[in-house]
Amino acid sequence: MKGVKEVIKQASAKTIRVLSLFEMLNSGEIIKKKEAAERFDVSEKTILRDLKEINIYYSKYKYHTLVNSVAYNRVEKGYFLKVRNA
């Protein structure tokens, strides 16, 4: 069974990771799941889950902004923030 300190440490790491991914998307960066997974020392599947959570945030809570969704760019082989045409 995990101790309280370990649970807090993991929760803090996830928060930092998700906020970092959020900032990267908002600054126009392309997120490549393998590179992000290595950077944050998690699996690629974890990165995909994080991006899905960010996408849910945009679709449910930021619908009045120009942001549409997190999308995949096949040419760049990474994820980016898709913006509606103004």
N, C-alpha and C. Protein backbone atom coordinates (compact mmCIF):
# COMPACT_ATOMS: atom_id res chain seq x y z
N MET A 1 0.84 -1.18 0.00
CA MET A 1 0.00 0.00 0.00
C MET A 1 0.89 1.25 0.00
N LYS A 2 0.52 2.21 -0.82
CA LYS A 2 1.29 3.44 -0.93
C LYS A 2 1.07 4.32 0.29
N GLY A 3 2.16 5.00 0.68
CA GLY A 3 2.06 5.94 1.77
C GLY A 3 1.47 7.25 1.29
N VAL A 4 1.06 8.06 2.22
CA VAL A 4 0.45 9.35 1.90
C VAL A 4 1.42 10.23 1.12
N LYS A 5 2.68 10.24 1.52
CA LYS A 5 3.67 11.07 0.83
C LYS A 5 3.83 10.65 -0.63
N GLU A 6 3.82 9.36 -0.89
CA GLU A 6 3.96 8.86 -2.26
C GLU A 6 2.75 9.24 -3.11
N VAL A 7 1.57 9.17 -2.55
CA VAL A 7 0.35 9.56 -3.26
C VAL A 7 0.39 11.05 -3.60
N ILE A 8 0.81 11.86 -2.64
CA ILE A 8 0.91 13.31 -2.87
C ILE A 8 1.96 13.60 -3.93
N LYS A 9 3.08 12.91 -3.89
CA LYS A 9 4.15 13.10 -4.87
C LYS A 9 3.66 12.76 -6.27
N GLN A 10 2.93 11.65 -6.42
CA GLN A 10 2.40 11.26 -7.73
C GLN A 10 1.36 12.25 -8.23
N ALA A 11 0.48 12.71 -7.34
CA ALA A 11 -0.54 13.68 -7.74
C ALA A 11 0.11 14.99 -8.17
N SER A 12 1.13 15.40 -7.47
CA SER A 12 1.83 16.63 -7.81
C SER A 12 2.52 16.49 -9.17
N ALA A 13 3.13 15.34 -9.42
CA ALA A 13 3.81 15.09 -10.70
C ALA A 13 2.81 15.14 -11.85
N LYS A 14 1.62 14.57 -11.64
CA LYS A 14 0.61 14.59 -12.70
C LYS A 14 0.15 16.02 -12.96
N THR A 15 -0.08 16.78 -11.91
CA THR A 15 -0.52 18.17 -12.08
C THR A 15 0.50 18.96 -12.88
N ILE A 16 1.76 18.84 -12.51
CA ILE A 16 2.83 19.55 -13.22
C ILE A 16 2.89 19.10 -14.68
N ARG A 17 2.75 17.81 -14.93
CA ARG A 17 2.81 17.27 -16.30
C ARG A 17 1.66 17.80 -17.14
N VAL A 18 0.43 17.74 -16.63
CA VAL A 18 -0.74 18.18 -17.38
C VAL A 18 -0.67 19.69 -17.65
N LEU A 19 -0.28 20.45 -16.65
CA LEU A 19 -0.16 21.90 -16.85
C LEU A 19 0.95 22.23 -17.85
N SER A 20 2.03 21.48 -17.83
CA SER A 20 3.11 21.68 -18.79
C SER A 20 2.64 21.39 -20.21
N LEU A 21 1.91 20.30 -20.37
CA LEU A 21 1.36 19.96 -21.69
C LEU A 21 0.38 21.04 -22.16
N PHE A 22 -0.44 21.51 -21.24
CA PHE A 22 -1.40 22.57 -21.54
C PHE A 22 -0.68 23.82 -22.03
N GLU A 23 0.37 24.22 -21.32
CA GLU A 23 1.15 25.40 -21.72
C GLU A 23 1.82 25.19 -23.08
N MET A 24 2.34 24.00 -23.31
CA MET A 24 2.98 23.70 -24.59
C MET A 24 1.98 23.85 -25.74
N LEU A 25 0.79 23.32 -25.56
CA LEU A 25 -0.25 23.43 -26.59
C LEU A 25 -0.62 24.89 -26.82
N ASN A 26 -0.81 25.63 -25.74
CA ASN A 26 -1.21 27.03 -25.86
C ASN A 26 -0.14 27.91 -26.50
N SER A 27 1.11 27.48 -26.42
CA SER A 27 2.18 28.26 -27.04
C SER A 27 2.45 27.83 -28.47
N GLY A 28 1.62 26.89 -28.98
CA GLY A 28 1.73 26.49 -30.38
C GLY A 28 2.68 25.34 -30.64
N GLU A 29 3.17 24.72 -29.59
CA GLU A 29 4.09 23.60 -29.78
C GLU A 29 3.35 22.35 -30.25
N ILE A 30 4.09 21.50 -30.96
CA ILE A 30 3.59 20.18 -31.35
C ILE A 30 4.09 19.21 -30.29
N ILE A 31 3.19 18.44 -29.71
CA ILE A 31 3.56 17.47 -28.68
C ILE A 31 3.66 16.09 -29.31
N LYS A 32 4.84 15.53 -29.27
CA LYS A 32 5.06 14.17 -29.74
C LYS A 32 5.05 13.26 -28.52
N LYS A 33 4.16 12.28 -28.55
CA LYS A 33 3.91 11.50 -27.33
C LYS A 33 5.16 10.78 -26.82
N LYS A 34 5.99 10.26 -27.72
CA LYS A 34 7.19 9.55 -27.26
C LYS A 34 8.14 10.50 -26.54
N GLU A 35 8.37 11.67 -27.12
CA GLU A 35 9.25 12.66 -26.50
C GLU A 35 8.69 13.15 -25.17
N ALA A 36 7.39 13.41 -25.14
CA ALA A 36 6.76 13.87 -23.90
C ALA A 36 6.82 12.78 -22.82
N ALA A 37 6.61 11.54 -23.21
CA ALA A 37 6.67 10.43 -22.26
C ALA A 37 8.06 10.32 -21.66
N GLU A 38 9.08 10.48 -22.48
CA GLU A 38 10.45 10.41 -21.98
C GLU A 38 10.75 11.61 -21.07
N ARG A 39 10.28 12.78 -21.47
CA ARG A 39 10.52 14.00 -20.69
C ARG A 39 9.94 13.90 -19.29
N PHE A 40 8.72 13.35 -19.19
CA PHE A 40 8.02 13.28 -17.91
C PHE A 40 8.15 11.92 -17.22
N ASP A 41 8.89 11.01 -17.86
CA ASP A 41 9.13 9.67 -17.30
C ASP A 41 7.83 8.91 -17.03
N VAL A 42 6.96 8.91 -18.04
CA VAL A 42 5.70 8.16 -17.99
C VAL A 42 5.54 7.42 -19.31
N SER A 43 4.48 6.65 -19.44
CA SER A 43 4.22 5.93 -20.68
C SER A 43 3.57 6.85 -21.72
N GLU A 44 3.64 6.43 -22.96
CA GLU A 44 2.97 7.18 -24.04
C GLU A 44 1.46 7.18 -23.81
N LYS A 45 0.95 6.09 -23.26
CA LYS A 45 -0.48 6.00 -22.98
C LYS A 45 -0.90 7.05 -21.93
N THR A 46 -0.03 7.31 -20.97
CA THR A 46 -0.31 8.34 -19.97
C THR A 46 -0.39 9.71 -20.62
N ILE A 47 0.51 9.99 -21.55
CA ILE A 47 0.48 11.27 -22.27
C ILE A 47 -0.83 11.40 -23.04
N LEU A 48 -1.26 10.33 -23.69
CA LEU A 48 -2.52 10.37 -24.43
C LEU A 48 -3.70 10.63 -23.49
N ARG A 49 -3.68 10.03 -22.31
CA ARG A 49 -4.74 10.28 -21.32
C ARG A 49 -4.74 11.76 -20.90
N ASP A 50 -3.55 12.29 -20.68
CA ASP A 50 -3.43 13.69 -20.28
C ASP A 50 -3.99 14.61 -21.38
N LEU A 51 -3.64 14.33 -22.63
CA LEU A 51 -4.14 15.13 -23.74
C LEU A 51 -5.66 15.02 -23.86
N LYS A 52 -6.18 13.83 -23.57
CA LYS A 52 -7.63 13.64 -23.60
C LYS A 52 -8.30 14.50 -22.52
N GLU A 53 -7.69 14.56 -21.34
CA GLU A 53 -8.24 15.39 -20.26
C GLU A 53 -8.21 16.87 -20.64
N ILE A 54 -7.13 17.29 -21.27
CA ILE A 54 -7.03 18.68 -21.72
C ILE A 54 -8.10 18.97 -22.76
N ASN A 55 -8.32 18.02 -23.67
CA ASN A 55 -9.34 18.17 -24.70
C ASN A 55 -10.73 18.29 -24.08
N ILE A 56 -11.00 17.50 -23.06
CA ILE A 56 -12.28 17.57 -22.36
C ILE A 56 -12.44 18.94 -21.72
N TYR A 57 -11.39 19.47 -21.14
CA TYR A 57 -11.43 20.81 -20.54
C TYR A 57 -11.85 21.84 -21.59
N TYR A 58 -11.21 21.79 -22.75
CA TYR A 58 -11.56 22.75 -23.80
C TYR A 58 -12.99 22.57 -24.28
N SER A 59 -13.43 21.35 -24.46
CA SER A 59 -14.76 21.13 -25.02
C SER A 59 -15.88 21.44 -24.02
N LYS A 60 -15.62 21.28 -22.72
CA LYS A 60 -16.67 21.49 -21.74
C LYS A 60 -16.63 22.84 -21.05
N TYR A 61 -15.44 23.41 -20.91
CA TYR A 61 -15.31 24.62 -20.10
C TYR A 61 -14.82 25.84 -20.85
N LYS A 62 -14.27 25.67 -22.04
CA LYS A 62 -13.72 26.80 -22.79
C LYS A 62 -14.42 26.96 -24.13
N TYR A 63 -15.68 26.57 -24.21
CA TYR A 63 -16.38 26.58 -25.49
C TYR A 63 -16.64 27.98 -26.03
N HIS A 64 -16.50 29.02 -25.24
CA HIS A 64 -16.70 30.38 -25.72
C HIS A 64 -15.43 30.99 -26.31
N THR A 65 -14.32 30.27 -26.24
CA THR A 65 -13.07 30.76 -26.79
C THR A 65 -12.94 30.31 -28.23
N LEU A 66 -11.87 30.71 -28.88
CA LEU A 66 -11.62 30.30 -30.26
C LEU A 66 -11.10 28.87 -30.36
N VAL A 67 -10.69 28.31 -29.25
CA VAL A 67 -10.09 26.99 -29.26
C VAL A 67 -11.14 25.93 -29.59
N ASN A 68 -10.77 25.04 -30.46
CA ASN A 68 -11.65 23.96 -30.84
C ASN A 68 -11.30 22.68 -30.11
N SER A 69 -10.08 22.17 -30.33
CA SER A 69 -9.72 20.91 -29.70
C SER A 69 -8.25 20.58 -29.88
N VAL A 70 -7.81 19.57 -29.15
CA VAL A 70 -6.49 19.01 -29.35
C VAL A 70 -6.62 18.04 -30.52
N ALA A 71 -5.77 18.20 -31.52
CA ALA A 71 -5.85 17.38 -32.73
C ALA A 71 -4.49 16.79 -33.05
N TYR A 72 -4.49 15.78 -33.91
CA TYR A 72 -3.24 15.12 -34.32
C TYR A 72 -2.84 15.60 -35.70
N ASN A 73 -1.58 15.95 -35.87
CA ASN A 73 -1.03 16.37 -37.15
C ASN A 73 -0.21 15.20 -37.70
N ARG A 74 -0.71 14.57 -38.76
CA ARG A 74 -0.03 13.40 -39.33
C ARG A 74 1.33 13.72 -39.91
N VAL A 75 1.48 14.90 -40.48
CA VAL A 75 2.76 15.29 -41.08
C VAL A 75 3.82 15.46 -39.99
N GLU A 76 3.47 16.19 -38.94
CA GLU A 76 4.39 16.45 -37.82
C GLU A 76 4.47 15.27 -36.85
N LYS A 77 3.50 14.37 -36.95
CA LYS A 77 3.40 13.21 -36.05
C LYS A 77 3.35 13.66 -34.59
N GLY A 78 2.44 14.63 -34.34
CA GLY A 78 2.29 15.12 -32.99
C GLY A 78 0.96 15.80 -32.80
N TYR A 79 0.69 16.18 -31.56
CA TYR A 79 -0.58 16.80 -31.20
C TYR A 79 -0.42 18.30 -31.08
N PHE A 80 -1.46 19.03 -31.47
CA PHE A 80 -1.44 20.49 -31.45
C PHE A 80 -2.82 21.00 -31.06
N LEU A 81 -2.89 22.30 -30.79
CA LEU A 81 -4.16 22.92 -30.45
C LEU A 81 -4.80 23.46 -31.71
N LYS A 82 -5.89 22.84 -32.11
CA LYS A 82 -6.62 23.25 -33.31
C LYS A 82 -7.50 24.43 -32.97
N VAL A 83 -7.37 25.50 -33.75
CA VAL A 83 -8.11 26.73 -33.47
C VAL A 83 -9.11 26.97 -34.59
N ARG A 84 -10.32 27.35 -34.19
CA ARG A 84 -11.36 27.66 -35.18
C ARG A 84 -10.96 28.87 -35.99
N ASN A 85 -11.46 28.94 -37.19
CA ASN A 85 -11.26 30.15 -38.01
C ASN A 85 -12.03 31.30 -37.40
N ALA A 86 -11.36 32.41 -37.24
CA ALA A 86 -12.01 33.58 -36.63
C ALA A 86 -12.86 34.32 -37.63
